[in-house]
Amino acid sequence: MKLQVIFYSMYGHIHRMAEAVAEGARSVAGAEVSVFRVPELVPEEALEKSGAKAAQQAFAHVPIAKVEQLPDADAIIFGTPTRFGNMCAQMRNFLDQTGGLWLKGSLIGKVGSVFTSTATQHGGQESTVLSTHITLLHQGMVLVGMPYSEARQMQMDQILGGSPYGAATIAGGDGSRMPSELELGMAKFQGRHVAEIATALVRGRQG
């Protein structure tokens, strides 16, 4: 079973979550897991001024995703920060290039899942995941979220991201808060959960 984790990260929050998602997926026997990032759209000068350029050096080694690679996967887990309750422009731009795959039905039946990051508790975690689901449904993908068997999402003793739609982290208004152990744990759960379901589907189709 081949699984791709495809993300965009400006300051490293989603990258850390992506690593945890991939770690969880790799814990499933037979899972071949690859991690990719989508192309940057922000001008170099703006990245440098915002401090994002320096932050992105930590994952500059991660290969750039290409639309034509998507049909090779049995499952794809997308990671995107929120922008006003929706996916970021970089992820939107990448997915907008999949029209040819839609025309051929190349992603029909593949497992799709989403995780995210917001600045605040109420900054659009659920709407970002759910609005991204719309694109995946148009592609015919089988959506997988994060069921309540992942009980960490119900904890009330500290601020944390996550919902039944997918794992999430809260970056803070200034971006200084990195994913907590609880949030990383939920990301690992999501990766494992998606990999288990995708493995079962692949085996079922193989008879």
C-alpha atoms as a PDB file:
ATOM      1  CA  MET A   1       0.000   0.000   0.000  1.00  0.00           C
ATOM      2  CA  LYS A   2       1.451   3.363  -1.066  1.00  0.00           C
ATOM      3  CA  LEU A   3       0.610   6.480   0.947  1.00  0.00           C
ATOM      4  CA  GLN A   4       1.623  10.056   0.236  1.00  0.00           C
ATOM      5  CA  VAL A   5       1.639  12.888   2.769  1.00  0.00           C
ATOM      6  CA  ILE A   6       1.451  16.195   0.885  1.00  0.00           C
ATOM      7  CA  PHE A   7       1.666  19.453   2.822  1.00  0.00           C
ATOM      8  CA  TYR A   8       2.316  23.171   2.772  1.00  0.00           C
ATOM      9  CA  SER A   9       4.000  24.793   5.744  1.00  0.00           C
ATOM     10  CA  MET A  10       5.088  28.409   6.119  1.00  0.00           C
ATOM     11  CA  TYR A  11       6.687  28.374   9.574  1.00  0.00           C
ATOM     12  CA  GLY A  12       7.055  24.651  10.284  1.00  0.00           C
ATOM     13  CA  HIS A  13       3.881  23.798  12.205  1.00  0.00           C
ATOM     14  CA  ILE A  14       2.308  21.726   9.447  1.00  0.00           C
ATOM     15  CA  HIS A  15       5.681  20.182   8.631  1.00  0.00           C
ATOM     16  CA  ARG A  16       5.953  18.825  12.171  1.00  0.00           C
ATOM     17  CA  MET A  17       2.418  17.490  11.946  1.00  0.00           C
ATOM     18  CA  ALA A  18       3.224  15.913   8.571  1.00  0.00           C
ATOM     19  CA  GLU A  19       6.195  14.094  10.074  1.00  0.00           C
ATOM     20  CA  ALA A  20       3.958  12.733  12.831  1.00  0.00           C
ATOM     21  CA  VAL A  21       1.283  11.673  10.324  1.00  0.00           C
ATOM     22  CA  ALA A  22       3.939   9.867   8.285  1.00  0.00           C
ATOM     23  CA  GLU A  23       5.324   8.189  11.411  1.00  0.00           C
ATOM     24  CA  GLY A  24       1.887   6.870  12.260  1.00  0.00           C
ATOM     25  CA  ALA A  25       1.333   5.610   8.722  1.00  0.00           C
ATOM     26  CA  ARG A  26       4.698   3.836   8.692  1.00  0.00           C
ATOM     27  CA  SER A  27       3.689   1.865  11.775  1.00  0.00           C
ATOM     28  CA  VAL A  28       1.277  -0.139   9.594  1.00  0.00           C
ATOM     29  CA  ALA A  29       2.857  -3.247   8.088  1.00  0.00           C
ATOM     30  CA  GLY A  30       3.399  -2.986   4.358  1.00  0.00           C
ATOM     31  CA  ALA A  31       2.829   0.771   4.154  1.00  0.00           C
ATOM     32  CA  GLU A  32       5.176   2.646   1.816  1.00  0.00           C
ATOM     33  CA  VAL A  33       5.022   6.257   2.967  1.00  0.00           C
ATOM     34  CA  SER A  34       6.393   9.300   1.114  1.00  0.00           C
ATOM     35  CA  VAL A  35       6.288  12.940   2.208  1.00  0.00           C
ATOM     36  CA  PHE A  36       6.117  15.893  -0.195  1.00  0.00           C
ATOM     37  CA  ARG A  37       5.517  19.644  -0.041  1.00  0.00           C
ATOM     38  CA  VAL A  38       3.624  21.730  -2.555  1.00  0.00           C
ATOM     39  CA  PRO A  39       5.365  24.603  -4.376  1.00  0.00           C
ATOM     40  CA  GLU A  40       5.701  27.991  -2.705  1.00  0.00           C
ATOM     41  CA  LEU A  41       3.891  30.972  -4.220  1.00  0.00           C
ATOM     42  CA  VAL A  42       5.023  33.775  -1.912  1.00  0.00           C
ATOM     43  CA  PRO A  43       7.802  35.968  -3.389  1.00  0.00           C
ATOM     44  CA  GLU A  44      11.277  35.354  -1.986  1.00  0.00           C
ATOM     45  CA  GLU A  45      11.558  38.871  -0.585  1.00  0.00           C
ATOM     46  CA  ALA A  46       8.292  38.554   1.326  1.00  0.00           C
ATOM     47  CA  LEU A  47       9.339  35.177   2.739  1.00  0.00           C
ATOM     48  CA  GLU A  48      12.594  36.664   4.007  1.00  0.00           C
ATOM     49  CA  LYS A  49      10.904  39.673   5.607  1.00  0.00           C
ATOM     50  CA  SER A  50       8.355  37.512   7.417  1.00  0.00           C
ATOM     51  CA  GLY A  51      10.938  35.070   8.727  1.00  0.00           C
ATOM     52  CA  ALA A  52       9.342  32.219   6.826  1.00  0.00           C
ATOM     53  CA  LYS A  53      12.372  31.710   4.608  1.00  0.00           C
ATOM     54  CA  ALA A  54      14.555  30.838   7.592  1.00  0.00           C
ATOM     55  CA  ALA A  55      11.852  28.599   9.097  1.00  0.00           C
ATOM     56  CA  GLN A  56      11.417  26.713   5.820  1.00  0.00           C
ATOM     57  CA  GLN A  57      15.088  25.730   5.741  1.00  0.00           C
ATOM     58  CA  ALA A  58      14.222  22.978   8.226  1.00  0.00           C
ATOM     59  CA  PHE A  59      12.232  21.150   5.556  1.00  0.00           C
ATOM     60  CA  ALA A  60      13.836  22.436   2.362  1.00  0.00           C
ATOM     61  CA  HIS A  61      15.033  18.873   1.739  1.00  0.00           C
ATOM     62  CA  VAL A  62      11.470  17.584   1.353  1.00  0.00           C
ATOM     63  CA  PRO A  63      10.774  16.975  -2.358  1.00  0.00           C
ATOM     64  CA  ILE A  64       8.215  19.062  -4.233  1.00  0.00           C
ATOM     65  CA  ALA A  65       4.970  17.258  -5.061  1.00  0.00           C
ATOM     66  CA  LYS A  66       3.882  16.901  -8.680  1.00  0.00           C
ATOM     67  CA  VAL A  67       0.286  16.416  -9.753  1.00  0.00           C
ATOM     68  CA  GLU A  68       1.175  13.452 -11.948  1.00  0.00           C
ATOM     69  CA  GLN A  69       2.421  11.471  -8.928  1.00  0.00           C
ATOM     70  CA  LEU A  70      -0.968  11.371  -7.199  1.00  0.00           C
ATOM     71  CA  PRO A  71      -2.394   8.356  -9.086  1.00  0.00           C
ATOM     72  CA  ASP A  72       0.527   6.261  -7.830  1.00  0.00           C
ATOM     73  CA  ALA A  73      -0.808   6.472  -4.264  1.00  0.00           C
ATOM     74  CA  ASP A  74      -3.479   4.343  -2.644  1.00  0.00           C
ATOM     75  CA  ALA A  75      -3.992   7.042   0.001  1.00  0.00           C
ATOM     76  CA  ILE A  76      -3.133  10.742   0.205  1.00  0.00           C
ATOM     77  CA  ILE A  77      -3.123  12.793   3.396  1.00  0.00           C
ATOM     78  CA  PHE A  78      -3.071  16.543   2.814  1.00  0.00           C
ATOM     79  CA  GLY A  79      -1.778  19.046   5.353  1.00  0.00           C
ATOM     80  CA  THR A  80      -2.628  22.729   5.020  1.00  0.00           C
ATOM     81  CA  PRO A  81      -2.680  25.723   7.334  1.00  0.00           C
ATOM     82  CA  THR A  82      -5.914  27.683   7.380  1.00  0.00           C
ATOM     83  CA  ARG A  83      -6.422  30.948   5.556  1.00  0.00           C
ATOM     84  CA  PHE A  84      -9.680  32.507   6.726  1.00  0.00           C
ATOM     85  CA  GLY A  85     -11.278  29.111   7.265  1.00  0.00           C
ATOM     86  CA  ASN A  86     -10.063  27.580   4.008  1.00  0.00           C
ATOM     87  CA  MET A  87      -6.951  25.860   2.709  1.00  0.00           C
ATOM     88  CA  CYS A  88      -3.948  28.048   1.925  1.00  0.00           C
ATOM     89  CA  ALA A  89      -3.381  29.407  -1.589  1.00  0.00           C
ATOM     90  CA  GLN A  90      -0.414  27.107  -2.156  1.00  0.00           C
ATOM     91  CA  MET A  91      -2.527  23.977  -1.593  1.00  0.00           C
ATOM     92  CA  ARG A  92      -5.433  25.447  -3.578  1.00  0.00           C
ATOM     93  CA  ASN A  93      -3.091  26.141  -6.486  1.00  0.00           C
ATOM     94  CA  PHE A  94      -1.759  22.592  -6.365  1.00  0.00           C
ATOM     95  CA  LEU A  95      -5.193  20.974  -6.242  1.00  0.00           C
ATOM     96  CA  ASP A  96      -6.500  23.279  -8.970  1.00  0.00           C
ATOM     97  CA  GLN A  97      -4.008  21.601 -11.295  1.00  0.00           C
ATOM     98  CA  THR A  98      -5.638  18.183 -10.849  1.00  0.00           C
ATOM     99  CA  GLY A  99      -8.367  18.782 -13.433  1.00  0.00           C
ATOM    100  CA  GLY A 100      -6.754  16.315 -15.808  1.00  0.00           C
ATOM    101  CA  LEU A 101      -6.809  13.635 -13.115  1.00  0.00           C
ATOM    102  CA  TRP A 102     -10.482  14.401 -12.476  1.00  0.00           C
ATOM    103  CA  LEU A 103     -11.235  14.034 -16.182  1.00  0.00           C
ATOM    104  CA  LYS A 104      -9.657  10.582 -16.218  1.00  0.00           C
ATOM    105  CA  GLY A 105     -11.070   9.524 -12.841  1.00  0.00           C
ATOM    106  CA  SER A 106      -7.519   8.861 -11.686  1.00  0.00           C
ATOM    107  CA  LEU A 107      -8.186   9.418  -7.980  1.00  0.00           C
ATOM    108  CA  ILE A 108     -11.531   7.639  -7.697  1.00  0.00           C
ATOM    109  CA  GLY A 109     -11.532   5.161  -4.822  1.00  0.00           C
ATOM    110  CA  LYS A 110      -8.292   6.390  -3.294  1.00  0.00           C
ATOM    111  CA  VAL A 111      -8.335   7.273   0.403  1.00  0.00           C
ATOM    112  CA  GLY A 112      -8.116  10.974   1.221  1.00  0.00           C
ATOM    113  CA  SER A 113      -7.615  12.707   4.559  1.00  0.00           C
ATOM    114  CA  VAL A 114      -6.731  16.202   5.805  1.00  0.00           C
ATOM    115  CA  PHE A 115      -4.989  17.828   8.785  1.00  0.00           C
ATOM    116  CA  THR A 116      -4.489  21.508   9.504  1.00  0.00           C
ATOM    117  CA  SER A 117      -3.118  24.327  11.658  1.00  0.00           C
ATOM    118  CA  THR A 118      -4.763  27.540  12.867  1.00  0.00           C
ATOM    119  CA  ALA A 119      -3.616  30.549  14.843  1.00  0.00           C
ATOM    120  CA  THR A 120      -6.383  30.232  17.438  1.00  0.00           C
ATOM    121  CA  GLN A 121      -8.786  27.634  18.818  1.00  0.00           C
ATOM    122  CA  HIS A 122     -11.609  29.022  16.719  1.00  0.00           C
ATOM    123  CA  GLY A 123      -9.603  30.007  13.659  1.00  0.00           C
ATOM    124  CA  GLY A 124     -11.203  27.598  11.215  1.00  0.00           C
ATOM    125  CA  GLN A 125      -9.820  24.136  12.010  1.00  0.00           C
ATOM    126  CA  GLU A 126     -13.032  22.329  11.142  1.00  0.00           C
ATOM    127  CA  SER A 127     -14.015  24.498   8.168  1.00  0.00           C
ATOM    128  CA  THR A 128     -10.550  24.179   6.624  1.00  0.00           C
ATOM    129  CA  VAL A 129     -10.676  20.396   6.722  1.00  0.00           C
ATOM    130  CA  LEU A 130     -14.300  20.207   5.611  1.00  0.00           C
ATOM    131  CA  SER A 131     -13.853  22.648   2.726  1.00  0.00           C
ATOM    132  CA  THR A 132     -10.815  20.662   1.561  1.00  0.00           C
ATOM    133  CA  HIS A 133     -12.960  17.533   1.685  1.00  0.00           C
ATOM    134  CA  ILE A 134     -15.162  19.057  -1.023  1.00  0.00           C
ATOM    135  CA  THR A 135     -12.302  18.960  -3.525  1.00  0.00           C
ATOM    136  CA  LEU A 136     -11.438  15.379  -2.571  1.00  0.00           C
ATOM    137  CA  LEU A 137     -15.070  14.324  -2.981  1.00  0.00           C
ATOM    138  CA  HIS A 138     -15.142  15.821  -6.466  1.00  0.00           C
ATOM    139  CA  GLN A 139     -12.148  13.615  -7.218  1.00  0.00           C
ATOM    140  CA  GLY A 140     -14.060  10.565  -5.998  1.00  0.00           C
ATOM    141  CA  MET A 141     -11.809   9.902  -3.040  1.00  0.00           C
ATOM    142  CA  VAL A 142     -12.894   7.940   0.041  1.00  0.00           C
ATOM    143  CA  LEU A 143     -12.693  10.338   2.987  1.00  0.00           C
ATOM    144  CA  VAL A 144     -11.248   9.323   6.343  1.00  0.00           C
ATOM    145  CA  GLY A 145     -11.254  11.543   9.414  1.00  0.00           C
ATOM    146  CA  MET A 146     -10.233  11.009  13.029  1.00  0.00           C
ATOM    147  CA  PRO A 147     -12.878   9.055  14.963  1.00  0.00           C
ATOM    148  CA  TYR A 148     -13.493   9.489  18.668  1.00  0.00           C
ATOM    149  CA  SER A 149     -11.590   6.281  19.343  1.00  0.00           C
ATOM    150  CA  GLU A 150      -8.763   8.849  19.330  1.00  0.00           C
ATOM    151  CA  ALA A 151      -9.868  10.085  22.734  1.00  0.00           C
ATOM    152  CA  ARG A 152      -7.202  12.781  23.053  1.00  0.00           C
ATOM    153  CA  GLN A 153      -9.412  15.126  21.061  1.00  0.00           C
ATOM    154  CA  MET A 154     -11.893  15.138  23.933  1.00  0.00           C
ATOM    155  CA  GLN A 155      -9.460  16.376  26.575  1.00  0.00           C
ATOM    156  CA  MET A 156     -10.445  19.578  28.328  1.00  0.00           C
ATOM    157  CA  ASP A 157      -7.484  20.282  30.593  1.00  0.00           C
ATOM    158  CA  GLN A 158      -5.455  22.168  27.996  1.00  0.00           C
ATOM    159  CA  ILE A 159      -5.784  24.015  24.706  1.00  0.00           C
ATOM    160  CA  LEU A 160      -5.354  21.698  21.752  1.00  0.00           C
ATOM    161  CA  GLY A 161      -6.395  21.236  18.155  1.00  0.00           C
ATOM    162  CA  GLY A 162      -8.108  18.304  16.503  1.00  0.00           C
ATOM    163  CA  SER A 163     -11.633  17.243  15.617  1.00  0.00           C
ATOM    164  CA  PRO A 164     -13.369  14.171  14.197  1.00  0.00           C
ATOM    165  CA  TYR A 165     -12.557  15.634  10.766  1.00  0.00           C
ATOM    166  CA  GLY A 166      -8.793  15.530  11.254  1.00  0.00           C
ATOM    167  CA  ALA A 167      -5.805  16.324  13.423  1.00  0.00           C
ATOM    168  CA  ALA A 168      -4.867  19.963  13.963  1.00  0.00           C
ATOM    169  CA  THR A 169      -2.510  22.197  15.874  1.00  0.00           C
ATOM    170  CA  ILE A 170      -2.807  25.737  17.209  1.00  0.00           C
ATOM    171  CA  ALA A 171       0.125  27.970  16.293  1.00  0.00           C
ATOM    172  CA  GLY A 172      -0.778  31.046  18.334  1.00  0.00           C
ATOM    173  CA  GLY A 173      -1.227  34.543  16.952  1.00  0.00           C
ATOM    174  CA  ASP A 174       2.512  35.058  16.577  1.00  0.00           C
ATOM    175  CA  GLY A 175       3.228  31.491  15.453  1.00  0.00           C
ATOM    176  CA  SER A 176       5.339  30.760  18.519  1.00  0.00           C
ATOM    177  CA  ARG A 177       3.414  27.684  19.665  1.00  0.00           C
ATOM    178  CA  MET A 178       4.607  24.463  18.038  1.00  0.00           C
ATOM    179  CA  PRO A 179       2.497  21.261  18.019  1.00  0.00           C
ATOM    180  CA  SER A 180       2.093  19.740  21.475  1.00  0.00           C
ATOM    181  CA  GLU A 181       2.689  16.086  22.234  1.00  0.00           C
ATOM    182  CA  LEU A 182      -1.071  15.564  22.337  1.00  0.00           C
ATOM    183  CA  GLU A 183      -1.499  17.112  18.904  1.00  0.00           C
ATOM    184  CA  LEU A 184       1.395  15.119  17.469  1.00  0.00           C
ATOM    185  CA  GLY A 185      -0.139  11.999  18.995  1.00  0.00           C
ATOM    186  CA  MET A 186      -3.396  12.692  17.201  1.00  0.00           C
ATOM    187  CA  ALA A 187      -1.504  13.235  13.950  1.00  0.00           C
ATOM    188  CA  LYS A 188       0.194   9.861  14.374  1.00  0.00           C
ATOM    189  CA  PHE A 189      -3.193   8.278  15.025  1.00  0.00           C
ATOM    190  CA  GLN A 190      -4.604   9.790  11.843  1.00  0.00           C
ATOM    191  CA  GLY A 191      -1.692   8.534   9.775  1.00  0.00           C
ATOM    192  CA  ARG A 192      -2.045   5.031  11.172  1.00  0.00           C
ATOM    193  CA  HIS A 193      -5.831   5.052  10.827  1.00  0.00           C
ATOM    194  CA  VAL A 194      -5.692   6.111   7.167  1.00  0.00           C
ATOM    195  CA  ALA A 195      -2.974   3.566   6.404  1.00  0.00           C
ATOM    196  CA  GLU A 196      -4.963   0.753   8.004  1.00  0.00           C
ATOM    197  CA  ILE A 197      -8.099   1.584   6.017  1.00  0.00           C
ATOM    198  CA  ALA A 198      -6.193   2.001   2.763  1.00  0.00           C
ATOM    199  CA  THR A 199      -4.427  -1.325   3.327  1.00  0.00           C
ATOM    200  CA  ALA A 200      -7.740  -3.062   3.883  1.00  0.00           C
ATOM    201  CA  LEU A 201      -9.202  -1.533   0.711  1.00  0.00           C
ATOM    202  CA  VAL A 202      -6.187  -2.551  -1.372  1.00  0.00           C
ATOM    203  CA  ARG A 203      -6.340  -6.107  -0.075  1.00  0.00           C
ATOM    204  CA  GLY A 204     -10.075  -6.258  -0.742  1.00  0.00           C
ATOM    205  CA  ARG A 205      -9.607  -5.169  -4.337  1.00  0.00           C
ATOM    206  CA  GLN A 206      -6.878  -7.720  -4.824  1.00  0.00           C
ATOM    207  CA  GLY A 207      -9.358 -10.392  -3.781  1.00  0.00           C
END
